Structure formats: C-alpha cells, structure tokens
Amino acid sequence: VSANVRMTVVRMQDSRLWVCGPISPTRECLRLLDELGEVGHLVVPGTSLEHKASIAEFSRIYPKASVWVAPGQNTSPLDLALGPRVDGVLGQMGSPPPPWFSEIDAKVFYVAPPETPGTYAETAFFHKATRTLLLSDAVLKVPDLPPPILASYGYEGQAGELTPEQWHYKFLAFNFLAMRGTNDVDFQALSRPPGVVSPILRFTLYPICQQQAAVWVKSVAQWPFEPVVAAHL
C-alpha cells in the first residue's frame, strides 16, 4: 500500500493554502491544488519519510510559501533533503511561532536517543475555526473499501481495482500485523472503530516512551476538537 497518497490542505483566512505533508506533485495534484488557491505555507508534520518525501519539490514549485518542519530532521545520512530553505522548526524552544499560529495550533511529540533507539516526531494540529484535529501517523482511519487511487497500484504490480480480500491483505501486511489466516476478521476489527492507533507505533514505539506519549496525548485531548482528519488510510 502506498503510504503517501494523502495530504491535508486548509484554506486560511487570507485565502492562501496551508499544505501539510505534501504528496507527489503530479500534474493532476498541482492542478487540483491550484484550483483551491495560492499555496502559502508548507508543513512537514513529523519525521516519517512519506510525509516529507516531496517537500523539496513543493518548495521549488511554490518558492513564496513558508516552510515549517517538525524537529528531528536530518538525523541520518540517509535522510532526505528538505529543499531550498526551512523557515522554522515547530515546538523548538526560542523559535518564533509560525505565521499561521493564530489559526492553527500545534503540539509536538518528539523523542530521540538515548531515550529511544531512533528519532521520531509527530505534530498534532488544531484548526480553530472548524475545531478540527489534524493528525499524521498517530491515528488511522481504515475504510471498508480500498481508496480508488490504489487501483493505479493494483495488486502484485498489476494495475486494477482491488478485491475486498486483496485490500484486507495489503492493509494488514503494510501494518506488519501477524498473518494468522483470519484476515477478514482482523480487518473488520480494525475498520469498525472511527479510528485506531497505528499498529506500528502502538507495538514498536509507544511501549518504550509511554510517559512522553501519554503527556502528548493528554495535551492534545485538551483541545475542544470535534472532527478528526488523519493523513493515513
């Protein structure tokens, strides 16, 4: 399952766009985005590769847009370049707030060695006007049917619509869940709730930084949000 097929876009009060976790800038993607308005801000919400893979390209396409990133970038020689410039790091002590802070609040979860084997960050955002919580990896919404865009990827390298059985298998395999021979039952258990904690984070990261994760979750829960928008399927 391709992970970088969804990004979050918010139209600000000045009609410019706030784009979080830019996806691949295909002609269709850019056309649809430009139809919404002028891109004013680009945001990298965390350290996960799929949410920053296209930030450098977007920065070159929209050179007037400000660029704000979560902490923990460029901690590995294999990490991706972020583009021509970065205007600020979210949640960093002494750093000025981003220009969109009056409309979108942000709270950063950040862990790094020696507390954890590697560096990880995720930023939760709160769009004040609509009381919407915006997340990247912490929570997944599992649709019953595969998103139409995945038809272009198909199954085993052949483009075409996925059957329900193929969709169940791909989702479970992508999240490194045990293949117990009960794919349909396991998938239904995950797709039934309005949202689920990412299995990868639940079983690999959060157990070794429970206190930090709990502090972040409690802080995010203080926002008076209603709808939740997740950046992952």
C-alpha atoms as a PDB file:
ATOM      1  CA  VAL A   1       0.000   0.000   0.000  1.00  0.00           C
ATOM      2  CA  SER A   2       1.401   3.369  -0.968  1.00  0.00           C
ATOM      3  CA  ALA A   3       1.514   5.496   2.169  1.00  0.00           C
ATOM      4  CA  ASN A   4       1.964   8.919   0.602  1.00  0.00           C
ATOM      5  CA  VAL A   5      -1.361   9.294  -1.196  1.00  0.00           C
ATOM      6  CA  ARG A   6      -2.993  11.754   1.192  1.00  0.00           C
ATOM      7  CA  MET A   7      -2.098  15.250   2.358  1.00  0.00           C
ATOM      8  CA  THR A   8      -4.038  17.809   4.373  1.00  0.00           C
ATOM      9  CA  VAL A   9      -4.920  21.230   2.957  1.00  0.00           C
ATOM     10  CA  VAL A  10      -6.528  24.106   4.863  1.00  0.00           C
ATOM     11  CA  ARG A  11      -7.674  27.390   3.331  1.00  0.00           C
ATOM     12  CA  MET A  12      -6.563  30.207   5.620  1.00  0.00           C
ATOM     13  CA  GLN A  13      -8.465  33.403   6.302  1.00  0.00           C
ATOM     14  CA  ASP A  14      -6.375  35.251   3.691  1.00  0.00           C
ATOM     15  CA  SER A  15      -7.439  32.573   1.135  1.00  0.00           C
ATOM     16  CA  ARG A  16      -3.931  31.123   0.905  1.00  0.00           C
ATOM     17  CA  LEU A  17      -3.441  27.394   1.441  1.00  0.00           C
ATOM     18  CA  TRP A  18      -1.727  25.573   4.321  1.00  0.00           C
ATOM     19  CA  VAL A  19      -0.409  22.263   2.965  1.00  0.00           C
ATOM     20  CA  CYS A  20       0.664  19.584   5.440  1.00  0.00           C
ATOM     21  CA  GLY A  21       2.650  16.516   4.374  1.00  0.00           C
ATOM     22  CA  PRO A  22       2.771  17.246   0.627  1.00  0.00           C
ATOM     23  CA  ILE A  23       2.381  14.214  -1.619  1.00  0.00           C
ATOM     24  CA  SER A  24       3.995  13.651  -5.012  1.00  0.00           C
ATOM     25  CA  PRO A  25       3.425  16.809  -7.104  1.00  0.00           C
ATOM     26  CA  THR A  26       1.893  15.198 -10.147  1.00  0.00           C
ATOM     27  CA  ARG A  27       0.250  17.414 -12.758  1.00  0.00           C
ATOM     28  CA  GLU A  28      -3.169  16.365 -11.504  1.00  0.00           C
ATOM     29  CA  CYS A  29      -2.249  17.055  -7.888  1.00  0.00           C
ATOM     30  CA  LEU A  30      -0.894  20.528  -8.674  1.00  0.00           C
ATOM     31  CA  ARG A  31      -3.887  21.388 -10.848  1.00  0.00           C
ATOM     32  CA  LEU A  32      -6.339  20.455  -8.103  1.00  0.00           C
ATOM     33  CA  LEU A  33      -4.310  22.329  -5.522  1.00  0.00           C
ATOM     34  CA  ASP A  34      -4.024  25.477  -7.624  1.00  0.00           C
ATOM     35  CA  GLU A  35      -7.778  25.417  -8.184  1.00  0.00           C
ATOM     36  CA  LEU A  36      -8.202  25.792  -4.416  1.00  0.00           C
ATOM     37  CA  GLY A  37      -5.952  28.834  -4.143  1.00  0.00           C
ATOM     38  CA  GLU A  38      -2.394  30.063  -3.711  1.00  0.00           C
ATOM     39  CA  VAL A  39      -0.106  27.849  -1.625  1.00  0.00           C
ATOM     40  CA  GLY A  40       1.131  29.980   1.260  1.00  0.00           C
ATOM     41  CA  HIS A  41       2.568  27.505   3.755  1.00  0.00           C
ATOM     42  CA  LEU A  42       4.195  24.068   3.567  1.00  0.00           C
ATOM     43  CA  VAL A  43       4.454  21.862   6.648  1.00  0.00           C
ATOM     44  CA  VAL A  44       6.382  18.682   7.432  1.00  0.00           C
ATOM     45  CA  PRO A  45       4.430  17.249  10.388  1.00  0.00           C
ATOM     46  CA  GLY A  46       6.922  14.605  11.515  1.00  0.00           C
ATOM     47  CA  THR A  47       9.977  12.535  10.744  1.00  0.00           C
ATOM     48  CA  SER A  48       8.261   9.741   8.798  1.00  0.00           C
ATOM     49  CA  LEU A  49       9.659   9.524   5.281  1.00  0.00           C
ATOM     50  CA  GLU A  50       6.326   9.514   3.462  1.00  0.00           C
ATOM     51  CA  HIS A  51       5.286  12.874   4.909  1.00  0.00           C
ATOM     52  CA  LYS A  52       8.405  14.731   3.772  1.00  0.00           C
ATOM     53  CA  ALA A  53       9.407  12.894   0.596  1.00  0.00           C
ATOM     54  CA  SER A  54       8.004  15.669  -1.611  1.00  0.00           C
ATOM     55  CA  ILE A  55       8.691  18.770   0.481  1.00  0.00           C
ATOM     56  CA  ALA A  56      11.776  19.770  -1.540  1.00  0.00           C
ATOM     57  CA  GLU A  57       9.867  19.572  -4.841  1.00  0.00           C
ATOM     58  CA  PHE A  58       6.939  21.538  -3.409  1.00  0.00           C
ATOM     59  CA  SER A  59       9.330  24.205  -2.085  1.00  0.00           C
ATOM     60  CA  ARG A  60      10.746  24.706  -5.563  1.00  0.00           C
ATOM     61  CA  ILE A  61       7.304  24.772  -7.186  1.00  0.00           C
ATOM     62  CA  TYR A  62       5.965  27.234  -4.603  1.00  0.00           C
ATOM     63  CA  PRO A  63       9.030  29.337  -3.663  1.00  0.00           C
ATOM     64  CA  LYS A  64       6.945  32.023  -1.912  1.00  0.00           C
ATOM     65  CA  ALA A  65       5.459  29.546   0.558  1.00  0.00           C
ATOM     66  CA  SER A  66       6.857  29.423   4.077  1.00  0.00           C
ATOM     67  CA  VAL A  67       8.281  26.053   5.174  1.00  0.00           C
ATOM     68  CA  TRP A  68       7.886  24.728   8.715  1.00  0.00           C
ATOM     69  CA  VAL A  69       9.064  21.322   9.893  1.00  0.00           C
ATOM     70  CA  ALA A  70       8.816  19.115  12.963  1.00  0.00           C
ATOM     71  CA  PRO A  71      12.035  18.630  14.945  1.00  0.00           C
ATOM     72  CA  GLY A  72      14.329  15.685  14.342  1.00  0.00           C
ATOM     73  CA  GLN A  73      15.006  16.179  10.636  1.00  0.00           C
ATOM     74  CA  ASN A  74      18.335  15.246   9.030  1.00  0.00           C
ATOM     75  CA  THR A  75      19.395  12.954  11.866  1.00  0.00           C
ATOM     76  CA  SER A  76      20.548  10.250   9.454  1.00  0.00           C
ATOM     77  CA  PRO A  77      22.923  10.352   6.465  1.00  0.00           C
ATOM     78  CA  LEU A  78      20.120   8.687   4.511  1.00  0.00           C
ATOM     79  CA  ASP A  79      17.563  11.350   5.386  1.00  0.00           C
ATOM     80  CA  LEU A  80      16.017  13.395   2.597  1.00  0.00           C
ATOM     81  CA  ALA A  81      16.907  16.989   1.846  1.00  0.00           C
ATOM     82  CA  LEU A  82      14.165  19.430   2.838  1.00  0.00           C
ATOM     83  CA  GLY A  83      14.622  21.813  -0.043  1.00  0.00           C
ATOM     84  CA  PRO A  84      15.991  25.322  -0.601  1.00  0.00           C
ATOM     85  CA  ARG A  85      15.102  26.620   2.861  1.00  0.00           C
ATOM     86  CA  VAL A  86      13.334  25.978   6.156  1.00  0.00           C
ATOM     87  CA  ASP A  87      11.719  28.943   7.900  1.00  0.00           C
ATOM     88  CA  GLY A  88      11.247  27.349  11.302  1.00  0.00           C
ATOM     89  CA  VAL A  89      11.090  24.249  13.477  1.00  0.00           C
ATOM     90  CA  LEU A  90       7.806  23.526  15.232  1.00  0.00           C
ATOM     91  CA  GLY A  91       7.887  23.332  19.022  1.00  0.00           C
ATOM     92  CA  GLN A  92      11.519  24.377  19.279  1.00  0.00           C
ATOM     93  CA  MET A  93      12.447  26.428  22.338  1.00  0.00           C
ATOM     94  CA  GLY A  94      13.182  30.028  21.432  1.00  0.00           C
ATOM     95  CA  SER A  95      11.763  29.669  17.922  1.00  0.00           C
ATOM     96  CA  PRO A  96       9.131  32.233  16.911  1.00  0.00           C
ATOM     97  CA  PRO A  97       5.642  30.881  16.233  1.00  0.00           C
ATOM     98  CA  PRO A  98       4.757  30.162  12.607  1.00  0.00           C
ATOM     99  CA  PRO A  99       2.771  32.821  10.729  1.00  0.00           C
ATOM    100  CA  TRP A 100      -0.336  30.609  10.726  1.00  0.00           C
ATOM    101  CA  PHE A 101      -0.329  30.041  14.505  1.00  0.00           C
ATOM    102  CA  SER A 102      -3.329  32.280  15.156  1.00  0.00           C
ATOM    103  CA  GLU A 103      -5.476  29.927  13.059  1.00  0.00           C
ATOM    104  CA  ILE A 104      -3.803  26.529  13.544  1.00  0.00           C
ATOM    105  CA  ASP A 105      -2.325  25.474  16.871  1.00  0.00           C
ATOM    106  CA  ALA A 106       0.372  22.805  17.057  1.00  0.00           C
ATOM    107  CA  LYS A 107       1.649  20.345  19.670  1.00  0.00           C
ATOM    108  CA  VAL A 108       4.745  18.259  19.004  1.00  0.00           C
ATOM    109  CA  PHE A 109       5.565  14.734  20.166  1.00  0.00           C
ATOM    110  CA  TYR A 110       9.335  14.260  19.932  1.00  0.00           C
ATOM    111  CA  VAL A 111      11.623  11.513  21.213  1.00  0.00           C
ATOM    112  CA  ALA A 112      15.280  10.833  20.475  1.00  0.00           C
ATOM    113  CA  PRO A 113      18.269   8.843  21.759  1.00  0.00           C
ATOM    114  CA  PRO A 114      19.155   7.845  24.382  1.00  0.00           C
ATOM    115  CA  GLU A 115      15.501   7.519  25.445  1.00  0.00           C
ATOM    116  CA  THR A 116      14.651   5.745  22.187  1.00  0.00           C
ATOM    117  CA  PRO A 117      16.796   3.880  19.639  1.00  0.00           C
ATOM    118  CA  GLY A 118      15.984   6.424  16.949  1.00  0.00           C
ATOM    119  CA  THR A 119      14.455   9.845  16.447  1.00  0.00           C
ATOM    120  CA  TYR A 120      10.716  10.243  15.969  1.00  0.00           C
ATOM    121  CA  ALA A 121       8.417  13.252  15.814  1.00  0.00           C
ATOM    122  CA  GLU A 122       4.781  13.889  15.045  1.00  0.00           C
ATOM    123  CA  THR A 123       2.857  17.143  15.273  1.00  0.00           C
ATOM    124  CA  ALA A 124      -0.831  17.342  16.048  1.00  0.00           C
ATOM    125  CA  PHE A 125      -2.628  20.413  14.697  1.00  0.00           C
ATOM    126  CA  PHE A 126      -5.863  22.085  15.743  1.00  0.00           C
ATOM    127  CA  HIS A 127      -7.726  24.194  13.191  1.00  0.00           C
ATOM    128  CA  LYS A 128      -9.509  26.637  15.458  1.00  0.00           C
ATOM    129  CA  ALA A 129     -12.227  27.874  13.107  1.00  0.00           C
ATOM    130  CA  THR A 130     -13.591  24.389  12.400  1.00  0.00           C
ATOM    131  CA  ARG A 131     -12.433  22.773  15.671  1.00  0.00           C
ATOM    132  CA  THR A 132     -10.741  20.050  13.637  1.00  0.00           C
ATOM    133  CA  LEU A 133      -7.892  17.857  14.882  1.00  0.00           C
ATOM    134  CA  LEU A 134      -5.297  17.085  12.193  1.00  0.00           C
ATOM    135  CA  LEU A 135      -3.019  14.063  12.669  1.00  0.00           C
ATOM    136  CA  SER A 136      -0.448  12.219  10.581  1.00  0.00           C
ATOM    137  CA  ASP A 137       0.552   8.814  11.953  1.00  0.00           C
ATOM    138  CA  ALA A 138      -0.879   8.512  15.457  1.00  0.00           C
ATOM    139  CA  VAL A 139      -4.376   7.506  14.348  1.00  0.00           C
ATOM    140  CA  LEU A 140      -5.537   5.609  11.268  1.00  0.00           C
ATOM    141  CA  LYS A 141      -8.953   5.502   9.681  1.00  0.00           C
ATOM    142  CA  VAL A 142      -9.400   2.160   7.939  1.00  0.00           C
ATOM    143  CA  PRO A 143     -12.019   2.353   5.148  1.00  0.00           C
ATOM    144  CA  ASP A 144     -14.055  -0.727   4.341  1.00  0.00           C
ATOM    145  CA  LEU A 145     -13.195  -0.408   0.659  1.00  0.00           C
ATOM    146  CA  PRO A 146      -9.829   0.495  -0.895  1.00  0.00           C
ATOM    147  CA  PRO A 147      -9.474   4.151  -1.931  1.00  0.00           C
ATOM    148  CA  PRO A 148      -9.903   4.494  -5.712  1.00  0.00           C
ATOM    149  CA  ILE A 149      -6.365   5.854  -6.134  1.00  0.00           C
ATOM    150  CA  LEU A 150      -4.931   2.486  -5.130  1.00  0.00           C
ATOM    151  CA  ALA A 151      -6.312   0.989  -8.340  1.00  0.00           C
ATOM    152  CA  SER A 152      -3.374   2.607 -10.122  1.00  0.00           C
ATOM    153  CA  TYR A 153      -1.053   0.492  -7.965  1.00  0.00           C
ATOM    154  CA  GLY A 154      -3.166  -2.627  -8.172  1.00  0.00           C
ATOM    155  CA  TYR A 155      -2.118  -5.940  -6.719  1.00  0.00           C
ATOM    156  CA  GLU A 156       1.267  -7.588  -7.232  1.00  0.00           C
ATOM    157  CA  GLY A 157       2.329  -4.913  -9.680  1.00  0.00           C
ATOM    158  CA  GLN A 158      -0.672  -5.094 -11.976  1.00  0.00           C
ATOM    159  CA  ALA A 159      -2.926  -2.038 -12.104  1.00  0.00           C
ATOM    160  CA  GLY A 160      -6.585  -2.669 -11.434  1.00  0.00           C
ATOM    161  CA  GLU A 161      -9.293  -2.458  -8.811  1.00  0.00           C
ATOM    162  CA  LEU A 162      -8.538  -4.363  -5.621  1.00  0.00           C
ATOM    163  CA  THR A 163     -10.942  -7.024  -4.431  1.00  0.00           C
ATOM    164  CA  PRO A 164     -12.010  -6.821  -0.757  1.00  0.00           C
ATOM    165  CA  GLU A 165      -9.750  -9.793   0.011  1.00  0.00           C
ATOM    166  CA  GLN A 166      -6.759  -8.122  -1.638  1.00  0.00           C
ATOM    167  CA  TRP A 167      -7.434  -4.851   0.205  1.00  0.00           C
ATOM    168  CA  HIS A 168      -7.626  -6.646   3.548  1.00  0.00           C
ATOM    169  CA  TYR A 169      -4.355  -8.429   2.896  1.00  0.00           C
ATOM    170  CA  LYS A 170      -2.497  -5.325   1.730  1.00  0.00           C
ATOM    171  CA  PHE A 171      -3.603  -3.263   4.705  1.00  0.00           C
ATOM    172  CA  LEU A 172      -2.671  -5.922   7.241  1.00  0.00           C
ATOM    173  CA  ALA A 173       0.663  -6.622   5.568  1.00  0.00           C
ATOM    174  CA  PHE A 174       1.527  -2.925   5.327  1.00  0.00           C
ATOM    175  CA  ASN A 175       0.995  -2.512   9.066  1.00  0.00           C
ATOM    176  CA  PHE A 176       3.154  -5.535   9.839  1.00  0.00           C
ATOM    177  CA  LEU A 177       0.284  -7.333  11.506  1.00  0.00           C
ATOM    178  CA  ALA A 178       0.558 -11.064  12.037  1.00  0.00           C
ATOM    179  CA  MET A 179      -0.827 -13.110   9.180  1.00  0.00           C
ATOM    180  CA  ARG A 180      -2.953 -15.505  11.257  1.00  0.00           C
ATOM    181  CA  GLY A 181      -5.136 -16.789   8.460  1.00  0.00           C
ATOM    182  CA  THR A 182      -8.002 -14.643   9.737  1.00  0.00           C
ATOM    183  CA  ASN A 183      -7.541 -11.566   7.539  1.00  0.00           C
ATOM    184  CA  ASP A 184     -11.244 -10.755   7.195  1.00  0.00           C
ATOM    185  CA  VAL A 185     -11.882 -10.980  10.939  1.00  0.00           C
ATOM    186  CA  ASP A 186      -8.774  -8.958  11.803  1.00  0.00           C
ATOM    187  CA  PHE A 187      -9.581  -6.295   9.194  1.00  0.00           C
ATOM    188  CA  GLN A 188     -13.151  -5.894  10.434  1.00  0.00           C
ATOM    189  CA  ALA A 189     -11.882  -5.403  13.975  1.00  0.00           C
ATOM    190  CA  LEU A 190      -9.662  -2.536  12.772  1.00  0.00           C
ATOM    191  CA  SER A 191     -12.139  -0.906  10.387  1.00  0.00           C
ATOM    192  CA  ARG A 192     -15.105  -0.924  12.780  1.00  0.00           C
ATOM    193  CA  PRO A 193     -13.932   1.890  15.140  1.00  0.00           C
ATOM    194  CA  PRO A 194     -13.931   5.542  13.980  1.00  0.00           C
ATOM    195  CA  GLY A 195     -10.134   5.382  14.260  1.00  0.00           C
ATOM    196  CA  VAL A 196      -7.375   3.138  15.587  1.00  0.00           C
ATOM    197  CA  VAL A 197      -3.901   3.757  16.953  1.00  0.00           C
ATOM    198  CA  SER A 198      -1.315   2.935  14.321  1.00  0.00           C
ATOM    199  CA  PRO A 199      -0.288  -0.698  14.998  1.00  0.00           C
ATOM    200  CA  ILE A 200       3.321   0.059  14.067  1.00  0.00           C
ATOM    201  CA  LEU A 201       3.570   2.833  16.669  1.00  0.00           C
ATOM    202  CA  ARG A 202       1.474   1.000  19.234  1.00  0.00           C
ATOM    203  CA  PHE A 203       3.704  -2.066  19.327  1.00  0.00           C
ATOM    204  CA  THR A 204       7.155  -0.660  18.475  1.00  0.00           C
ATOM    205  CA  LEU A 205       7.495   2.962  19.643  1.00  0.00           C
ATOM    206  CA  TYR A 206       4.936   3.832  22.295  1.00  0.00           C
ATOM    207  CA  PRO A 207       5.887   0.964  24.684  1.00  0.00           C
ATOM    208  CA  ILE A 208       9.402   2.394  25.081  1.00  0.00           C
ATOM    209  CA  CYS A 209       8.306   6.009  25.599  1.00  0.00           C
ATOM    210  CA  GLN A 210       4.987   5.642  27.379  1.00  0.00           C
ATOM    211  CA  GLN A 211       5.397   8.703  29.588  1.00  0.00           C
ATOM    212  CA  GLN A 212       6.245  11.068  26.729  1.00  0.00           C
ATOM    213  CA  ALA A 213       3.417   9.691  24.597  1.00  0.00           C
ATOM    214  CA  ALA A 214       0.913   9.996  27.444  1.00  0.00           C
ATOM    215  CA  VAL A 215       1.864  13.628  28.098  1.00  0.00           C
ATOM    216  CA  TRP A 216       1.383  14.472  24.401  1.00  0.00           C
ATOM    217  CA  VAL A 217      -1.946  12.653  24.129  1.00  0.00           C
ATOM    218  CA  LYS A 218      -3.315  14.346  27.263  1.00  0.00           C
ATOM    219  CA  SER A 219      -2.202  17.728  25.960  1.00  0.00           C
ATOM    220  CA  VAL A 220      -3.840  17.156  22.567  1.00  0.00           C
ATOM    221  CA  ALA A 221      -7.024  15.958  24.275  1.00  0.00           C
ATOM    222  CA  GLN A 222      -7.403  19.391  25.886  1.00  0.00           C
ATOM    223  CA  TRP A 223      -8.261  20.923  22.537  1.00  0.00           C
ATOM    224  CA  PRO A 224     -12.054  21.185  22.007  1.00  0.00           C
ATOM    225  CA  PHE A 225     -11.925  19.297  18.714  1.00  0.00           C
ATOM    226  CA  GLU A 226     -14.838  17.541  17.047  1.00  0.00           C
ATOM    227  CA  PRO A 227     -13.910  16.096  13.634  1.00  0.00           C
ATOM    228  CA  VAL A 228     -10.557  14.326  13.255  1.00  0.00           C
ATOM    229  CA  VAL A 229      -8.656  14.220   9.959  1.00  0.00           C
ATOM    230  CA  ALA A 230      -5.974  11.539   9.661  1.00  0.00           C
ATOM    231  CA  ALA A 231      -3.283  11.632   6.981  1.00  0.00           C
ATOM    232  CA  HIS A 232      -3.120   7.870   6.662  1.00  0.00           C
ATOM    233  CA  LEU A 233      -5.558   5.311   5.324  1.00  0.00           C
END
